[in-house]
């Protein structure tokens, strides 16, 4: 079973992602509300996959992607964005993120991206 760390500064967004993952019987091992927490939790939990917002306080998702990839160059990270953030998505992909999903989330799209990244 895929073990996932969810990172978003908005509790509402983390809950939406959790509901999608729970419905697909995907194991949620932890949550973080900013990039600093994400790095700490990544070290503690060694998840199979990180789903991370790009724009967050304290440390951005892009900076956290850089740091997590420095910890594990094989880390699987999916970033979340809103429409109009294409340049940030490209920056995150260049930093090592494997794919992205756009808010508002569509359950099928999120699960398709997760399957694609986990199976790669």
Protein backbone atom coordinates (compact mmCIF):
# COMPACT_ATOMS: atom_id res chain seq x y z
CA UNK A 1 0.00 0.00 0.00
CA UNK A 2 1.26 3.48 -0.93
CA UNK A 3 2.12 5.64 2.10
CA UNK A 4 1.40 9.34 1.52
CA UNK A 5 2.41 12.60 3.23
CA UNK A 6 -0.03 15.46 2.53
CA UNK A 7 1.35 19.01 2.65
CA UNK A 8 -0.86 22.11 2.35
CA UNK A 9 -1.23 25.20 4.51
CA UNK A 10 -5.03 25.02 4.19
CA UNK A 11 -6.69 22.43 6.44
CA UNK A 12 -9.63 22.37 4.02
CA UNK A 13 -7.36 21.32 1.12
CA UNK A 14 -5.62 18.65 3.21
CA UNK A 15 -9.06 17.29 4.13
CA UNK A 16 -10.13 17.19 0.47
CA UNK A 17 -6.99 15.24 -0.48
CA UNK A 18 -7.43 12.93 2.53
CA UNK A 19 -11.02 12.15 1.51
CA UNK A 20 -9.87 11.24 -2.02
CA UNK A 21 -7.05 9.02 -0.72
CA UNK A 22 -9.21 7.31 1.92
CA UNK A 23 -11.84 6.51 -0.73
CA UNK A 24 -9.08 4.76 -2.74
CA UNK A 25 -7.75 2.98 0.36
CA UNK A 26 -4.43 4.82 0.20
CA UNK A 27 -2.55 5.08 3.50
CA UNK A 28 -2.02 8.62 4.83
CA UNK A 29 1.03 8.56 7.10
CA UNK A 30 1.19 12.25 7.95
CA UNK A 31 0.29 15.86 7.26
CA UNK A 32 2.24 19.10 7.23
CA UNK A 33 1.16 22.73 6.85
CA UNK A 34 4.33 24.21 5.31
CA UNK A 35 7.57 23.25 3.59
CA UNK A 36 9.63 23.16 6.80
CA UNK A 37 7.20 20.70 8.41
CA UNK A 38 7.15 18.69 5.17
CA UNK A 39 10.92 18.14 5.26
CA UNK A 40 10.83 17.17 8.95
CA UNK A 41 7.93 14.75 8.40
CA UNK A 42 9.57 13.33 5.27
CA UNK A 43 12.65 12.45 7.32
CA UNK A 44 10.54 10.95 10.14
CA UNK A 45 8.01 9.01 8.07
CA UNK A 46 9.79 8.07 4.79
CA UNK A 47 6.55 8.17 2.78
CA UNK A 48 6.30 6.58 -0.67
CA UNK A 49 4.69 9.74 -2.03
CA UNK A 50 4.34 13.41 -1.07
CA UNK A 51 1.42 15.53 -2.30
CA UNK A 52 2.48 19.14 -1.74
CA UNK A 53 1.04 22.58 -2.33
CA UNK A 54 3.42 24.94 -4.13
CA UNK A 55 2.53 28.22 -2.38
CA UNK A 56 2.85 28.00 1.42
CA UNK A 57 4.18 30.15 4.26
CA UNK A 58 7.54 29.55 6.02
CA UNK A 59 9.00 27.50 3.15
CA UNK A 60 7.45 27.13 -0.30
CA UNK A 61 6.63 23.82 -1.90
CA UNK A 62 9.36 24.41 -4.49
CA UNK A 63 12.02 24.93 -1.80
CA UNK A 64 10.72 21.85 0.03
CA UNK A 65 10.94 19.79 -3.19
CA UNK A 66 14.61 20.83 -3.53
CA UNK A 67 15.31 19.83 0.08
CA UNK A 68 13.44 16.52 -0.07
CA UNK A 69 15.21 15.59 -3.32
CA UNK A 70 18.52 16.30 -1.54
CA UNK A 71 17.47 13.81 1.16
CA UNK A 72 16.28 11.18 -1.36
CA UNK A 73 16.86 11.71 -5.07
CA UNK A 74 14.23 9.01 -5.76
CA UNK A 75 11.50 10.80 -3.78
CA UNK A 76 8.11 10.87 -5.47
CA UNK A 77 6.45 14.27 -5.14
CA UNK A 78 3.26 15.55 -6.74
CA UNK A 79 2.71 19.30 -6.45
CA UNK A 80 -0.66 21.06 -6.25
CA UNK A 81 -1.32 24.33 -8.01
CA UNK A 82 -4.12 26.64 -9.03
CA UNK A 83 -4.73 27.77 -12.59
CA UNK A 84 -2.26 30.45 -13.64
CA UNK A 85 0.70 28.97 -11.75
CA UNK A 86 2.20 27.17 -14.75
CA UNK A 87 5.65 28.74 -14.26
CA UNK A 88 5.70 27.57 -10.62
CA UNK A 89 4.71 24.07 -11.72
CA UNK A 90 7.58 24.01 -14.22
CA UNK A 91 9.96 25.20 -11.49
CA UNK A 92 8.74 22.43 -9.17
CA UNK A 93 9.15 19.80 -11.91
CA UNK A 94 12.69 21.05 -12.58
CA UNK A 95 13.37 20.77 -8.83
CA UNK A 96 12.34 17.11 -8.94
CA UNK A 97 8.55 16.89 -8.60
CA UNK A 98 7.20 14.04 -10.73
CA UNK A 99 3.82 15.53 -11.68
CA UNK A 100 1.11 17.98 -10.60
CA UNK A 101 -2.61 18.25 -9.92
CA UNK A 102 -4.65 21.43 -10.24
CA UNK A 103 -7.07 22.78 -7.65
CA UNK A 104 -9.99 22.39 -7.38
CA UNK A 105 -9.25 18.67 -7.25
CA UNK A 106 -11.10 16.13 -9.35
CA UNK A 107 -10.96 12.74 -7.67
CA UNK A 108 -10.29 10.74 -10.86
CA UNK A 109 -7.50 13.11 -11.98
CA UNK A 110 -5.79 12.99 -8.57
CA UNK A 111 -5.93 9.18 -8.46
CA UNK A 112 -4.70 8.89 -12.08
CA UNK A 113 -1.68 11.09 -11.32
CA UNK A 114 -0.94 9.14 -8.12
CA UNK A 115 -1.09 5.82 -9.99
CA UNK A 116 1.14 7.15 -12.78
CA UNK A 117 3.78 8.47 -10.35
CA UNK A 118 3.74 5.43 -8.05
CA UNK A 119 3.94 2.99 -10.97
CA UNK A 120 6.82 4.81 -12.70
